[in-house]
Amino acid sequence: MAINRLGKYAALFQEMLQIFSHSQAYLTWLRIEKGRELLLTTGKNISEIACACGFSQPAYFSRIFREHAGLSPSRFRMEHQVYQVFPLPGSAIIKASKDM
């Protein structure tokens, strides 16, 4: 009887681990999506965005962002940012380089 209960607890524990794993993945996805939004709509630097998304280390944010988006945060911003003639307050000002 005790072995039967132990088996039920082990199965419950495995189920809880799967739920937790999916929950963690979903939360990470949400945090990265927030990072994408902030990269494209604000002039905040990567460290500020990492902090705003709940990451304590900008390097960790960059690594996880690259895993999800396929690009580093700075490269993502550079390739996806919409250029504005008149920058909005708080948005990044983009300067054209000589080789553009």
N, C-alpha and C. Protein backbone atom coordinates (compact mmCIF):
# COMPACT_ATOMS: atom_id res chain seq x y z
N MET A 1 0.82 -1.19 0.00
CA MET A 1 0.00 0.00 0.00
C MET A 1 0.87 1.25 0.00
N ALA A 2 1.93 1.25 0.81
CA ALA A 2 2.83 2.40 0.87
C ALA A 2 3.53 2.60 -0.48
N ILE A 3 3.86 1.51 -1.16
CA ILE A 3 4.51 1.60 -2.47
C ILE A 3 3.55 2.19 -3.49
N ASN A 4 2.28 1.84 -3.40
CA ASN A 4 1.27 2.37 -4.30
C ASN A 4 1.16 3.89 -4.13
N ARG A 5 1.15 4.38 -2.89
CA ARG A 5 1.09 5.82 -2.62
C ARG A 5 2.34 6.52 -3.13
N LEU A 6 3.47 5.86 -2.95
CA LEU A 6 4.73 6.44 -3.42
C LEU A 6 4.70 6.61 -4.93
N GLY A 7 4.15 5.65 -5.63
CA GLY A 7 4.02 5.73 -7.09
C GLY A 7 3.12 6.88 -7.50
N LYS A 8 2.03 7.08 -6.76
CA LYS A 8 1.12 8.19 -7.06
C LYS A 8 1.81 9.53 -6.83
N TYR A 9 2.59 9.62 -5.74
CA TYR A 9 3.31 10.87 -5.46
C TYR A 9 4.38 11.13 -6.51
N ALA A 10 5.05 10.08 -6.97
CA ALA A 10 6.07 10.25 -8.00
C ALA A 10 5.43 10.74 -9.30
N ALA A 11 4.28 10.19 -9.66
CA ALA A 11 3.58 10.62 -10.86
C ALA A 11 3.12 12.07 -10.72
N LEU A 12 2.62 12.44 -9.56
CA LEU A 12 2.19 13.81 -9.31
C LEU A 12 3.38 14.77 -9.40
N PHE A 13 4.50 14.35 -8.82
CA PHE A 13 5.70 15.17 -8.86
C PHE A 13 6.16 15.39 -10.30
N GLN A 14 6.14 14.34 -11.12
CA GLN A 14 6.53 14.46 -12.53
C GLN A 14 5.60 15.42 -13.26
N GLU A 15 4.32 15.33 -12.99
CA GLU A 15 3.34 16.22 -13.62
C GLU A 15 3.60 17.67 -13.21
N MET A 16 3.90 17.88 -11.95
CA MET A 16 4.19 19.24 -11.47
C MET A 16 5.46 19.79 -12.12
N LEU A 17 6.47 18.95 -12.31
CA LEU A 17 7.69 19.38 -12.98
C LEU A 17 7.41 19.82 -14.42
N GLN A 18 6.56 19.08 -15.12
CA GLN A 18 6.21 19.44 -16.49
C GLN A 18 5.48 20.78 -16.53
N ILE A 19 4.54 20.96 -15.62
CA ILE A 19 3.79 22.23 -15.56
C ILE A 19 4.74 23.37 -15.28
N PHE A 20 5.64 23.18 -14.31
CA PHE A 20 6.60 24.22 -13.96
C PHE A 20 7.50 24.54 -15.14
N SER A 21 7.95 23.51 -15.83
CA SER A 21 8.82 23.70 -16.98
C SER A 21 8.12 24.51 -18.06
N HIS A 22 6.87 24.18 -18.36
CA HIS A 22 6.10 24.93 -19.35
C HIS A 22 5.84 26.35 -18.88
N SER A 23 5.57 26.52 -17.60
CA SER A 23 5.32 27.86 -17.05
C SER A 23 6.57 28.72 -17.16
N GLN A 24 7.74 28.15 -16.85
CA GLN A 24 9.00 28.89 -16.95
C GLN A 24 9.27 29.29 -18.40
N ALA A 25 9.03 28.39 -19.32
CA ALA A 25 9.26 28.69 -20.74
C ALA A 25 8.32 29.80 -21.19
N TYR A 26 7.07 29.76 -20.75
CA TYR A 26 6.11 30.79 -21.13
C TYR A 26 6.51 32.15 -20.54
N LEU A 27 6.93 32.17 -19.28
CA LEU A 27 7.36 33.42 -18.67
C LEU A 27 8.58 33.99 -19.37
N THR A 28 9.51 33.14 -19.73
CA THR A 28 10.69 33.60 -20.47
C THR A 28 10.28 34.18 -21.81
N TRP A 29 9.37 33.50 -22.50
CA TRP A 29 8.87 34.01 -23.77
C TRP A 29 8.24 35.39 -23.60
N LEU A 30 7.42 35.56 -22.56
CA LEU A 30 6.79 36.86 -22.31
C LEU A 30 7.84 37.93 -22.06
N ARG A 31 8.86 37.61 -21.30
CA ARG A 31 9.90 38.58 -20.98
C ARG A 31 10.68 38.97 -22.23
N ILE A 32 10.95 38.01 -23.11
CA ILE A 32 11.67 38.30 -24.35
C ILE A 32 10.78 39.14 -25.28
N GLU A 33 9.50 38.84 -25.34
CA GLU A 33 8.59 39.64 -26.17
C GLU A 33 8.55 41.08 -25.67
N LYS A 34 8.54 41.27 -24.37
CA LYS A 34 8.59 42.62 -23.80
C LYS A 34 9.91 43.30 -24.20
N GLY A 35 10.99 42.55 -24.18
CA GLY A 35 12.28 43.09 -24.61
C GLY A 35 12.25 43.54 -26.06
N ARG A 36 11.64 42.73 -26.94
CA ARG A 36 11.51 43.11 -28.35
C ARG A 36 10.76 44.43 -28.48
N GLU A 37 9.66 44.51 -27.75
CA GLU A 37 8.85 45.73 -27.81
C GLU A 37 9.66 46.95 -27.36
N LEU A 38 10.37 46.81 -26.25
CA LEU A 38 11.14 47.94 -25.74
C LEU A 38 12.31 48.29 -26.66
N LEU A 39 12.91 47.30 -27.28
CA LEU A 39 14.00 47.58 -28.22
C LEU A 39 13.53 48.42 -29.40
N LEU A 40 12.30 48.18 -29.83
CA LEU A 40 11.78 48.87 -31.01
C LEU A 40 11.05 50.17 -30.70
N THR A 41 10.64 50.37 -29.47
CA THR A 41 9.82 51.55 -29.17
C THR A 41 10.45 52.53 -28.20
N THR A 42 11.63 52.20 -27.67
CA THR A 42 12.28 53.12 -26.73
C THR A 42 13.74 53.30 -27.13
N GLY A 43 14.34 54.29 -26.53
CA GLY A 43 15.77 54.52 -26.72
C GLY A 43 16.59 53.97 -25.57
N LYS A 44 15.96 53.14 -24.73
CA LYS A 44 16.68 52.57 -23.58
C LYS A 44 17.82 51.68 -24.05
N ASN A 45 18.89 51.64 -23.24
CA ASN A 45 19.99 50.75 -23.60
C ASN A 45 19.65 49.31 -23.18
N ILE A 46 20.48 48.39 -23.59
CA ILE A 46 20.22 46.96 -23.36
C ILE A 46 20.12 46.64 -21.87
N SER A 47 20.97 47.26 -21.06
CA SER A 47 20.94 47.01 -19.61
C SER A 47 19.62 47.45 -19.01
N GLU A 48 19.13 48.61 -19.43
CA GLU A 48 17.84 49.10 -18.92
C GLU A 48 16.70 48.19 -19.35
N ILE A 49 16.75 47.74 -20.58
CA ILE A 49 15.70 46.85 -21.09
C ILE A 49 15.75 45.51 -20.38
N ALA A 50 16.94 44.99 -20.17
CA ALA A 50 17.09 43.72 -19.44
C ALA A 50 16.45 43.83 -18.07
N CYS A 51 16.74 44.91 -17.37
CA CYS A 51 16.19 45.13 -16.03
C CYS A 51 14.67 45.27 -16.08
N ALA A 52 14.17 46.02 -17.06
CA ALA A 52 12.72 46.22 -17.20
C ALA A 52 11.99 44.92 -17.50
N CYS A 53 12.69 43.96 -18.08
CA CYS A 53 12.09 42.66 -18.42
C CYS A 53 12.30 41.61 -17.33
N GLY A 54 12.93 42.00 -16.24
CA GLY A 54 13.09 41.09 -15.12
C GLY A 54 14.39 40.30 -15.10
N PHE A 55 15.34 40.67 -15.93
CA PHE A 55 16.64 40.01 -15.94
C PHE A 55 17.61 40.83 -15.11
N SER A 56 18.30 40.20 -14.19
CA SER A 56 19.24 40.93 -13.34
C SER A 56 20.59 41.14 -14.02
N GLN A 57 20.89 40.32 -15.01
CA GLN A 57 22.16 40.41 -15.73
C GLN A 57 21.91 40.68 -17.22
N PRO A 58 22.39 41.81 -17.75
CA PRO A 58 22.20 42.09 -19.17
C PRO A 58 22.80 41.01 -20.08
N ALA A 59 23.91 40.41 -19.69
CA ALA A 59 24.51 39.36 -20.51
C ALA A 59 23.59 38.15 -20.62
N TYR A 60 22.92 37.81 -19.53
CA TYR A 60 21.99 36.68 -19.55
C TYR A 60 20.79 37.02 -20.44
N PHE A 61 20.28 38.25 -20.32
CA PHE A 61 19.19 38.69 -21.20
C PHE A 61 19.61 38.56 -22.65
N SER A 62 20.82 39.01 -22.98
CA SER A 62 21.30 38.96 -24.36
C SER A 62 21.40 37.53 -24.86
N ARG A 63 21.88 36.63 -24.01
CA ARG A 63 22.02 35.23 -24.41
C ARG A 63 20.65 34.59 -24.66
N ILE A 64 19.71 34.81 -23.75
CA ILE A 64 18.37 34.24 -23.90
C ILE A 64 17.65 34.89 -25.09
N PHE A 65 17.83 36.20 -25.26
CA PHE A 65 17.21 36.90 -26.38
C PHE A 65 17.71 36.30 -27.70
N ARG A 66 19.03 36.08 -27.79
CA ARG A 66 19.61 35.51 -29.02
C ARG A 66 19.05 34.11 -29.28
N GLU A 67 18.87 33.32 -28.23
CA GLU A 67 18.30 31.97 -28.39
C GLU A 67 16.89 32.02 -28.96
N HIS A 68 16.11 33.02 -28.54
CA HIS A 68 14.70 33.12 -28.97
C HIS A 68 14.54 33.85 -30.29
N ALA A 69 15.30 34.93 -30.48
CA ALA A 69 15.12 35.78 -31.66
C ALA A 69 16.10 35.47 -32.79
N GLY A 70 17.18 34.77 -32.48
CA GLY A 70 18.16 34.47 -33.50
C GLY A 70 19.16 35.59 -33.75
N LEU A 71 19.00 36.70 -33.03
CA LEU A 71 19.89 37.85 -33.14
C LEU A 71 20.16 38.40 -31.76
N SER A 72 21.27 39.09 -31.61
CA SER A 72 21.52 39.78 -30.34
C SER A 72 20.52 40.93 -30.23
N PRO A 73 20.26 41.43 -29.03
CA PRO A 73 19.33 42.55 -28.89
C PRO A 73 19.74 43.78 -29.71
N SER A 74 21.00 44.11 -29.71
CA SER A 74 21.43 45.30 -30.47
C SER A 74 21.27 45.08 -31.98
N ARG A 75 21.58 43.88 -32.45
CA ARG A 75 21.41 43.57 -33.88
C ARG A 75 19.92 43.56 -34.25
N PHE A 76 19.09 43.02 -33.37
CA PHE A 76 17.65 43.00 -33.59
C PHE A 76 17.13 44.43 -33.74
N ARG A 77 17.55 45.31 -32.83
CA ARG A 77 17.12 46.71 -32.88
C ARG A 77 17.58 47.35 -34.18
N MET A 78 18.81 47.13 -34.54
CA MET A 78 19.37 47.74 -35.74
C MET A 78 18.63 47.28 -37.00
N GLU A 79 18.29 46.01 -37.08
CA GLU A 79 17.65 45.47 -38.28
C GLU A 79 16.15 45.71 -38.35
N HIS A 80 15.50 45.97 -37.22
CA HIS A 80 14.04 46.09 -37.21
C HIS A 80 13.52 47.47 -36.86
N GLN A 81 14.38 48.36 -36.46
CA GLN A 81 13.91 49.67 -36.03
C GLN A 81 13.43 50.48 -37.23
N VAL A 82 12.31 51.15 -37.03
CA VAL A 82 11.76 52.03 -38.05
C VAL A 82 12.43 53.39 -37.88
N TYR A 83 12.98 53.89 -38.96
CA TYR A 83 13.64 55.19 -38.90
C TYR A 83 12.59 56.29 -38.89
N GLN A 84 12.83 57.28 -38.05
CA GLN A 84 11.89 58.38 -37.89
C GLN A 84 12.55 59.68 -38.31
N VAL A 85 11.79 60.51 -39.00
CA VAL A 85 12.31 61.82 -39.38
C VAL A 85 12.42 62.69 -38.14
N PHE A 86 11.39 62.64 -37.30
CA PHE A 86 11.37 63.39 -36.06
C PHE A 86 11.25 62.40 -34.91
N PRO A 87 12.35 62.12 -34.21
CA PRO A 87 12.31 61.13 -33.13
C PRO A 87 11.32 61.51 -32.03
N LEU A 88 10.64 60.52 -31.54
CA LEU A 88 9.73 60.72 -30.42
C LEU A 88 10.54 60.84 -29.14
N PRO A 89 10.03 61.53 -28.13
CA PRO A 89 10.75 61.62 -26.86
C PRO A 89 11.06 60.22 -26.31
N GLY A 90 12.30 60.02 -25.93
CA GLY A 90 12.70 58.73 -25.37
C GLY A 90 13.10 57.69 -26.39
N SER A 91 12.94 58.00 -27.68
CA SER A 91 13.32 57.01 -28.69
C SER A 91 14.78 57.21 -29.09
N ALA A 92 15.34 56.18 -29.67
CA ALA A 92 16.74 56.23 -30.06
C ALA A 92 16.91 57.15 -31.27
N ILE A 93 17.95 57.93 -31.25
CA ILE A 93 18.27 58.75 -32.40
C ILE A 93 19.32 58.00 -33.19
N ILE A 94 19.01 57.76 -34.45
CA ILE A 94 19.88 56.97 -35.30
C ILE A 94 20.68 57.91 -36.18
N LYS A 95 21.98 57.80 -36.14
CA LYS A 95 22.83 58.62 -36.99
C LYS A 95 23.31 57.79 -38.17
N ALA A 96 23.26 58.36 -39.31
CA ALA A 96 23.72 57.66 -40.51
C ALA A 96 25.24 57.66 -40.52
N SER A 97 25.82 56.51 -40.83
CA SER A 97 27.27 56.44 -40.92
C SER A 97 27.70 56.78 -42.33
N LYS A 98 28.99 57.01 -42.55
CA LYS A 98 29.50 57.38 -43.85
C LYS A 98 29.30 56.28 -44.88
N ASP A 99 29.32 55.01 -44.43
CA ASP A 99 29.21 53.91 -45.37
C ASP A 99 27.77 53.51 -45.67
N MET A 100 26.79 54.26 -45.24
CA MET A 100 25.39 53.94 -45.52
C MET A 100 24.98 54.52 -46.84
